[in-house]
Amino acid sequence: MRLLRAGIAIWAFAEVWRTGEMMLLMLGGIFALQAIFDIGCCGAAGCATPRSYDQTSTKQTEEIVYEEVGKRP
């Protein structure tokens, strides 16, 4: 991923030099900093998500009790 970010940064800087589009300079700077410091959208955490286990087998189902409501006269 670090090389991909560096490649995108180099491409963005080349496009800034070729076209003069300054928005790409900011985008290239962001990708260059991500490549240099080896950080991504989640920082050093690496976008790790906790595993979810199937809790339906351990959870007991509760019985629903309905209450009848009287009609208005």
PDB file of N, CA and C in Angstrom:
ATOM      1  N   MET A   1       0.820  -1.192   0.000  1.00  0.00           N
ATOM      2  CA  MET A   1       0.000   0.000   0.000  1.00  0.00           C
ATOM      3  C   MET A   1       0.863   1.255   0.000  1.00  0.00           C
ATOM      4  N   ARG A   2       2.006   1.147   0.629  1.00  0.00           N
ATOM      5  CA  ARG A   2       2.878   2.308   0.682  1.00  0.00           C
ATOM      6  C   ARG A   2       3.340   2.700  -0.724  1.00  0.00           C
ATOM      7  N   LEU A   3       3.655   1.705  -1.534  1.00  0.00           N
ATOM      8  CA  LEU A   3       4.090   1.997  -2.902  1.00  0.00           C
ATOM      9  C   LEU A   3       2.941   2.524  -3.757  1.00  0.00           C
ATOM     10  N   LEU A   4       1.730   2.040  -3.512  1.00  0.00           N
ATOM     11  CA  LEU A   4       0.576   2.546  -4.240  1.00  0.00           C
ATOM     12  C   LEU A   4       0.333   4.014  -3.918  1.00  0.00           C
ATOM     13  N   ARG A   5       0.419   4.360  -2.636  1.00  0.00           N
ATOM     14  CA  ARG A   5       0.246   5.772  -2.248  1.00  0.00           C
ATOM     15  C   ARG A   5       1.356   6.643  -2.829  1.00  0.00           C
ATOM     16  N   ALA A   6       2.577   6.123  -2.835  1.00  0.00           N
ATOM     17  CA  ALA A   6       3.685   6.883  -3.421  1.00  0.00           C
ATOM     18  C   ALA A   6       3.474   7.067  -4.917  1.00  0.00           C
ATOM     19  N   GLY A   7       2.966   6.037  -5.582  1.00  0.00           N
ATOM     20  CA  GLY A   7       2.693   6.151  -7.011  1.00  0.00           C
ATOM     21  C   GLY A   7       1.609   7.166  -7.311  1.00  0.00           C
ATOM     22  N   ILE A   8       0.559   7.180  -6.494  1.00  0.00           N
ATOM     23  CA  ILE A   8      -0.505   8.167  -6.682  1.00  0.00           C
ATOM     24  C   ILE A   8       0.028   9.577  -6.439  1.00  0.00           C
ATOM     25  N   ALA A   9       0.897   9.730  -5.441  1.00  0.00           N
ATOM     26  CA  ALA A   9       1.485  11.049  -5.158  1.00  0.00           C
ATOM     27  C   ALA A   9       2.352  11.515  -6.323  1.00  0.00           C
ATOM     28  N   ILE A  10       3.153  10.621  -6.874  1.00  0.00           N
ATOM     29  CA  ILE A  10       4.009  10.988  -8.008  1.00  0.00           C
ATOM     30  C   ILE A  10       3.152  11.356  -9.215  1.00  0.00           C
ATOM     31  N   TRP A  11       2.078  10.568  -9.443  1.00  0.00           N
ATOM     32  CA  TRP A  11       1.182  10.883 -10.554  1.00  0.00           C
ATOM     33  C   TRP A  11       0.542  12.260 -10.354  1.00  0.00           C
ATOM     34  N   ALA A  12       0.090  12.544  -9.126  1.00  0.00           N
ATOM     35  CA  ALA A  12      -0.561  13.829  -8.855  1.00  0.00           C
ATOM     36  C   ALA A  12       0.412  14.987  -9.051  1.00  0.00           C
ATOM     37  N   PHE A  13       1.653  14.829  -8.574  1.00  0.00           N
ATOM     38  CA  PHE A  13       2.648  15.895  -8.762  1.00  0.00           C
ATOM     39  C   PHE A  13       2.975  16.093 -10.240  1.00  0.00           C
ATOM     40  N   ALA A  14       3.013  15.010 -11.008  1.00  0.00           N
ATOM     41  CA  ALA A  14       3.272  15.130 -12.448  1.00  0.00           C
ATOM     42  C   ALA A  14       2.120  15.850 -13.142  1.00  0.00           C
ATOM     43  N   GLU A  15       0.894  15.561 -12.726  1.00  0.00           N
ATOM     44  CA  GLU A  15      -0.261  16.242 -13.308  1.00  0.00           C
ATOM     45  C   GLU A  15      -0.301  17.724 -12.924  1.00  0.00           C
ATOM     46  N   VAL A  16       0.147  18.045 -11.722  1.00  0.00           N
ATOM     47  CA  VAL A  16       0.228  19.458 -11.325  1.00  0.00           C
ATOM     48  C   VAL A  16       1.227  20.176 -12.202  1.00  0.00           C
ATOM     49  N   TRP A  17       2.358  19.546 -12.454  1.00  0.00           N
ATOM     50  CA  TRP A  17       3.388  20.154 -13.298  1.00  0.00           C
ATOM     51  C   TRP A  17       2.900  20.294 -14.742  1.00  0.00           C
ATOM     52  N   ARG A  18       2.129  19.289 -15.212  1.00  0.00           N
ATOM     53  CA  ARG A  18       1.675  19.294 -16.595  1.00  0.00           C
ATOM     54  C   ARG A  18       0.508  20.257 -16.825  1.00  0.00           C
ATOM     55  N   THR A  19      -0.473  20.267 -15.894  1.00  0.00           N
ATOM     56  CA  THR A  19      -1.691  21.056 -16.123  1.00  0.00           C
ATOM     57  C   THR A  19      -1.790  22.313 -15.268  1.00  0.00           C
ATOM     58  N   GLY A  20      -1.083  22.352 -14.140  1.00  0.00           N
ATOM     59  CA  GLY A  20      -1.178  23.513 -13.258  1.00  0.00           C
ATOM     60  C   GLY A  20      -2.387  23.478 -12.343  1.00  0.00           C
ATOM     61  N   GLU A  21      -3.039  22.337 -12.225  1.00  0.00           N
ATOM     62  CA  GLU A  21      -4.217  22.186 -11.368  1.00  0.00           C
ATOM     63  C   GLU A  21      -3.773  22.060  -9.913  1.00  0.00           C
ATOM     64  N   MET A  22      -4.043  23.101  -9.125  1.00  0.00           N
ATOM     65  CA  MET A  22      -3.517  23.162  -7.763  1.00  0.00           C
ATOM     66  C   MET A  22      -4.226  22.231  -6.778  1.00  0.00           C
ATOM     67  N   MET A  23      -5.442  21.798  -7.073  1.00  0.00           N
ATOM     68  CA  MET A  23      -6.128  20.853  -6.185  1.00  0.00           C
ATOM     69  C   MET A  23      -5.386  19.521  -6.145  1.00  0.00           C
ATOM     70  N   LEU A  24      -4.784  19.148  -7.252  1.00  0.00           N
ATOM     71  CA  LEU A  24      -4.005  17.913  -7.283  1.00  0.00           C
ATOM     72  C   LEU A  24      -2.735  18.036  -6.447  1.00  0.00           C
ATOM     73  N   LEU A  25      -2.250  19.239  -6.255  1.00  0.00           N
ATOM     74  CA  LEU A  25      -1.077  19.431  -5.409  1.00  0.00           C
ATOM     75  C   LEU A  25      -1.403  19.048  -3.973  1.00  0.00           C
ATOM     76  N   MET A  26      -2.574  19.448  -3.500  1.00  0.00           N
ATOM     77  CA  MET A  26      -2.988  19.091  -2.142  1.00  0.00           C
ATOM     78  C   MET A  26      -3.211  17.580  -2.034  1.00  0.00           C
ATOM     79  N   LEU A  27      -3.866  17.001  -3.023  1.00  0.00           N
ATOM     80  CA  LEU A  27      -4.100  15.562  -3.024  1.00  0.00           C
ATOM     81  C   LEU A  27      -2.780  14.791  -3.073  1.00  0.00           C
ATOM     82  N   GLY A  28      -1.864  15.239  -3.898  1.00  0.00           N
ATOM     83  CA  GLY A  28      -0.549  14.591  -3.970  1.00  0.00           C
ATOM     84  C   GLY A  28       0.221  14.731  -2.670  1.00  0.00           C
ATOM     85  N   GLY A  29       0.078  15.878  -2.013  1.00  0.00           N
ATOM     86  CA  GLY A  29       0.735  16.067  -0.722  1.00  0.00           C
ATOM     87  C   GLY A  29       0.201  15.124   0.342  1.00  0.00           C
ATOM     88  N   ILE A  30      -1.123  14.924   0.346  1.00  0.00           N
ATOM     89  CA  ILE A  30      -1.724  13.999   1.314  1.00  0.00           C
ATOM     90  C   ILE A  30      -1.219  12.586   1.079  1.00  0.00           C
ATOM     91  N   PHE A  31      -1.231  12.143  -0.180  1.00  0.00           N
ATOM     92  CA  PHE A  31      -0.756  10.794  -0.481  1.00  0.00           C
ATOM     93  C   PHE A  31       0.739  10.649  -0.231  1.00  0.00           C
ATOM     94  N   ALA A  32       1.509  11.705  -0.473  1.00  0.00           N
ATOM     95  CA  ALA A  32       2.944  11.639  -0.202  1.00  0.00           C
ATOM     96  C   ALA A  32       3.211  11.503   1.298  1.00  0.00           C
ATOM     97  N   LEU A  33       2.478  12.261   2.113  1.00  0.00           N
ATOM     98  CA  LEU A  33       2.651  12.142   3.560  1.00  0.00           C
ATOM     99  C   LEU A  33       2.234  10.766   4.061  1.00  0.00           C
ATOM    100  N   GLN A  34       1.159  10.213   3.491  1.00  0.00           N
ATOM    101  CA  GLN A  34       0.747   8.866   3.883  1.00  0.00           C
ATOM    102  C   GLN A  34       1.812   7.845   3.509  1.00  0.00           C
ATOM    103  N   ALA A  35       2.437   8.010   2.358  1.00  0.00           N
ATOM    104  CA  ALA A  35       3.473   7.071   1.937  1.00  0.00           C
ATOM    105  C   ALA A  35       4.742   7.227   2.763  1.00  0.00           C
ATOM    106  N   ILE A  36       5.100   8.453   3.102  1.00  0.00           N
ATOM    107  CA  ILE A  36       6.331   8.688   3.868  1.00  0.00           C
ATOM    108  C   ILE A  36       6.199   8.162   5.288  1.00  0.00           C
ATOM    109  N   PHE A  37       5.082   8.458   5.940  1.00  0.00           N
ATOM    110  CA  PHE A  37       4.910   8.069   7.337  1.00  0.00           C
ATOM    111  C   PHE A  37       4.201   6.722   7.509  1.00  0.00           C
ATOM    112  N   ASP A  38       3.854   6.074   6.393  1.00  0.00           N
ATOM    113  CA  ASP A  38       3.208   4.766   6.383  1.00  0.00           C
ATOM    114  C   ASP A  38       1.940   4.756   7.241  1.00  0.00           C
ATOM    115  N   ILE A  39       1.076   5.724   6.991  1.00  0.00           N
ATOM    116  CA  ILE A  39      -0.209   5.781   7.668  1.00  0.00           C
ATOM    117  C   ILE A  39      -1.299   5.774   6.609  1.00  0.00           C
ATOM    118  N   GLY A  40      -2.475   5.342   7.004  1.00  0.00           N
ATOM    119  CA  GLY A  40      -3.593   5.322   6.079  1.00  0.00           C
ATOM    120  C   GLY A  40      -4.778   6.050   6.676  1.00  0.00           C
ATOM    121  N   CYS A  41      -5.945   5.653   6.258  1.00  0.00           N
ATOM    122  CA  CYS A  41      -7.150   6.318   6.731  1.00  0.00           C
ATOM    123  C   CYS A  41      -7.398   6.034   8.208  1.00  0.00           C
ATOM    124  N   CYS A  42      -6.911   4.911   8.712  1.00  0.00           N
ATOM    125  CA  CYS A  42      -7.139   4.549  10.112  1.00  0.00           C
ATOM    126  C   CYS A  42      -5.894   4.745  10.975  1.00  0.00           C
ATOM    127  N   GLY A  43      -4.868   5.341  10.446  1.00  0.00           N
ATOM    128  CA  GLY A  43      -3.649   5.533  11.217  1.00  0.00           C
ATOM    129  C   GLY A  43      -2.878   4.239  11.388  1.00  0.00           C
ATOM    130  N   ALA A  44      -2.269   4.073  12.517  1.00  0.00           N
ATOM    131  CA  ALA A  44      -1.449   2.895  12.759  1.00  0.00           C
ATOM    132  C   ALA A  44      -2.281   1.675  13.139  1.00  0.00           C
ATOM    133  N   ALA A  45      -3.591   1.857  13.344  1.00  0.00           N
ATOM    134  CA  ALA A  45      -4.449   0.735  13.742  1.00  0.00           C
ATOM    135  C   ALA A  45      -4.638  -0.268  12.611  1.00  0.00           C
ATOM    136  N   GLY A  46      -4.464   0.164  11.380  1.00  0.00           N
ATOM    137  CA  GLY A  46      -4.559  -0.745  10.259  1.00  0.00           C
ATOM    138  C   GLY A  46      -5.975  -1.158   9.906  1.00  0.00           C
ATOM    139  N   CYS A  47      -6.957  -0.393  10.303  1.00  0.00           N
ATOM    140  CA  CYS A  47      -8.364  -0.659  10.004  1.00  0.00           C
ATOM    141  C   CYS A  47      -8.809  -2.032  10.476  1.00  0.00           C
ATOM    142  N   ALA A  48      -8.307  -2.483  11.593  1.00  0.00           N
ATOM    143  CA  ALA A  48      -8.693  -3.783  12.122  1.00  0.00           C
ATOM    144  C   ALA A  48     -10.085  -3.690  12.728  1.00  0.00           C
ATOM    145  N   THR A  49     -10.967  -4.575  12.311  1.00  0.00           N
ATOM    146  CA  THR A  49     -12.312  -4.611  12.862  1.00  0.00           C
ATOM    147  C   THR A  49     -12.446  -5.834  13.756  1.00  0.00           C
ATOM    148  N   PRO A  50     -13.137  -5.707  14.855  1.00  0.00           N
ATOM    149  CA  PRO A  50     -13.279  -6.863  15.748  1.00  0.00           C
ATOM    150  C   PRO A  50     -14.142  -7.943  15.106  1.00  0.00           C
ATOM    151  N   ARG A  51     -13.844  -9.173  15.448  1.00  0.00           N
ATOM    152  CA  ARG A  51     -14.621 -10.287  14.917  1.00  0.00           C
ATOM    153  C   ARG A  51     -15.966 -10.349  15.610  1.00  0.00           C
ATOM    154  N   SER A  52     -16.969 -10.638  14.829  1.00  0.00           N
ATOM    155  CA  SER A  52     -18.289 -10.806  15.423  1.00  0.00           C
ATOM    156  C   SER A  52     -18.602 -12.295  15.427  1.00  0.00           C
ATOM    157  N   TYR A  53     -19.030 -12.769  16.558  1.00  0.00           N
ATOM    158  CA  TYR A  53     -19.353 -14.172  16.703  1.00  0.00           C
ATOM    159  C   TYR A  53     -20.863 -14.344  16.648  1.00  0.00           C
ATOM    160  N   ASP A  54     -21.291 -15.515  16.219  1.00  0.00           N
ATOM    161  CA  ASP A  54     -22.711 -15.812  16.137  1.00  0.00           C
ATOM    162  C   ASP A  54     -23.255 -15.965  17.546  1.00  0.00           C
ATOM    163  N   GLN A  55     -24.006 -14.981  17.992  1.00  0.00           N
ATOM    164  CA  GLN A  55     -24.511 -14.988  19.356  1.00  0.00           C
ATOM    165  C   GLN A  55     -25.940 -15.514  19.432  1.00  0.00           C
ATOM    166  N   THR A  56     -26.507 -15.922  18.301  1.00  0.00           N
ATOM    167  CA  THR A  56     -27.884 -16.408  18.327  1.00  0.00           C
ATOM    168  C   THR A  56     -27.987 -17.753  19.020  1.00  0.00           C
ATOM    169  N   SER A  57     -26.919 -18.550  18.979  1.00  0.00           N
ATOM    170  CA  SER A  57     -26.997 -19.870  19.601  1.00  0.00           C
ATOM    171  C   SER A  57     -26.898 -19.770  21.119  1.00  0.00           C
ATOM    172  N   THR A  58     -26.229 -18.755  21.631  1.00  0.00           N
ATOM    173  CA  THR A  58     -26.073 -18.615  23.074  1.00  0.00           C
ATOM    174  C   THR A  58     -27.154 -17.738  23.696  1.00  0.00           C
ATOM    175  N   LYS A  59     -27.796 -16.921  22.886  1.00  0.00           N
ATOM    176  CA  LYS A  59     -28.811 -16.015  23.411  1.00  0.00           C
ATOM    177  C   LYS A  59     -30.155 -16.747  23.482  1.00  0.00           C
ATOM    178  N   GLN A  60     -30.795 -16.664  24.614  1.00  0.00           N
ATOM    179  CA  GLN A  60     -32.102 -17.286  24.762  1.00  0.00           C
ATOM    180  C   GLN A  60     -33.165 -16.311  24.282  1.00  0.00           C
ATOM    181  N   THR A  61     -34.137 -16.855  23.593  1.00  0.00           N
ATOM    182  CA  THR A  61     -35.198 -15.993  23.096  1.00  0.00           C
ATOM    183  C   THR A  61     -36.231 -15.772  24.189  1.00  0.00           C
ATOM    184  N   GLU A  62     -36.689 -14.555  24.268  1.00  0.00           N
ATOM    185  CA  GLU A  62     -37.697 -14.213  25.263  1.00  0.00           C
ATOM    186  C   GLU A  62     -39.072 -14.293  24.625  1.00  0.00           C
ATOM    187  N   GLU A  63     -40.022 -14.796  25.371  1.00  0.00           N
ATOM    188  CA  GLU A  63     -41.375 -14.901  24.864  1.00  0.00           C
ATOM    189  C   GLU A  63     -42.053 -13.541  24.980  1.00  0.00           C
ATOM    190  N   ILE A  64     -42.711 -13.145  23.916  1.00  0.00           N
ATOM    191  CA  ILE A  64     -43.386 -11.857  23.885  1.00  0.00           C
ATOM    192  C   ILE A  64     -44.801 -12.037  24.421  1.00  0.00           C
ATOM    193  N   VAL A  65     -45.189 -11.178  25.340  1.00  0.00           N
ATOM    194  CA  VAL A  65     -46.522 -11.230  25.936  1.00  0.00           C
ATOM    195  C   VAL A  65     -47.311 -10.044  25.420  1.00  0.00           C
ATOM    196  N   TYR A  66     -48.479 -10.335  24.821  1.00  0.00           N
ATOM    197  CA  TYR A  66     -49.339  -9.293  24.291  1.00  0.00           C
ATOM    198  C   TYR A  66     -50.483  -9.020  25.264  1.00  0.00           C
ATOM    199  N   GLU A  67     -50.844  -7.769  25.372  1.00  0.00           N
ATOM    200  CA  GLU A  67     -51.943  -7.390  26.256  1.00  0.00           C
ATOM    201  C   GLU A  67     -53.063  -6.827  25.395  1.00  0.00           C
ATOM    202  N   GLU A  68     -54.272  -7.359  25.573  1.00  0.00           N
ATOM    203  CA  GLU A  68     -55.383  -6.913  24.764  1.00  0.00           C
ATOM    204  C   GLU A  68     -55.904  -5.585  25.283  1.00  0.00           C
ATOM    205  N   VAL A  69     -56.106  -4.672  24.380  1.00  0.00           N
ATOM    206  CA  VAL A  69     -56.581  -3.346  24.729  1.00  0.00           C
ATOM    207  C   VAL A  69     -58.070  -3.281  24.408  1.00  0.00           C
ATOM    208  N   GLY A  70     -58.882  -2.774  25.364  1.00  0.00           N
ATOM    209  CA  GLY A  70     -60.326  -2.705  25.164  1.00  0.00           C
ATOM    210  C   GLY A  70     -60.709  -1.652  24.153  1.00  0.00           C
ATOM    211  N   LYS A  71     -61.861  -1.862  23.502  1.00  0.00           N
ATOM    212  CA  LYS A  71     -62.360  -0.916  22.519  1.00  0.00           C
ATOM    213  C   LYS A  71     -63.083   0.235  23.193  1.00  0.00           C
ATOM    214  N   ARG A  72     -63.100   1.365  22.569  1.00  0.00           N
ATOM    215  CA  ARG A  72     -63.826   2.530  23.077  1.00  0.00           C
ATOM    216  C   ARG A  72     -65.301   2.387  22.737  1.00  0.00           C
ATOM    217  N   PRO A  73     -66.173   2.823  23.641  1.00  0.00           N
ATOM    218  CA  PRO A  73     -67.621   2.737  23.331  1.00  0.00           C
ATOM    219  C   PRO A  73     -68.069   3.799  22.367  1.00  0.00           C
TER     220      PRO A  73
END
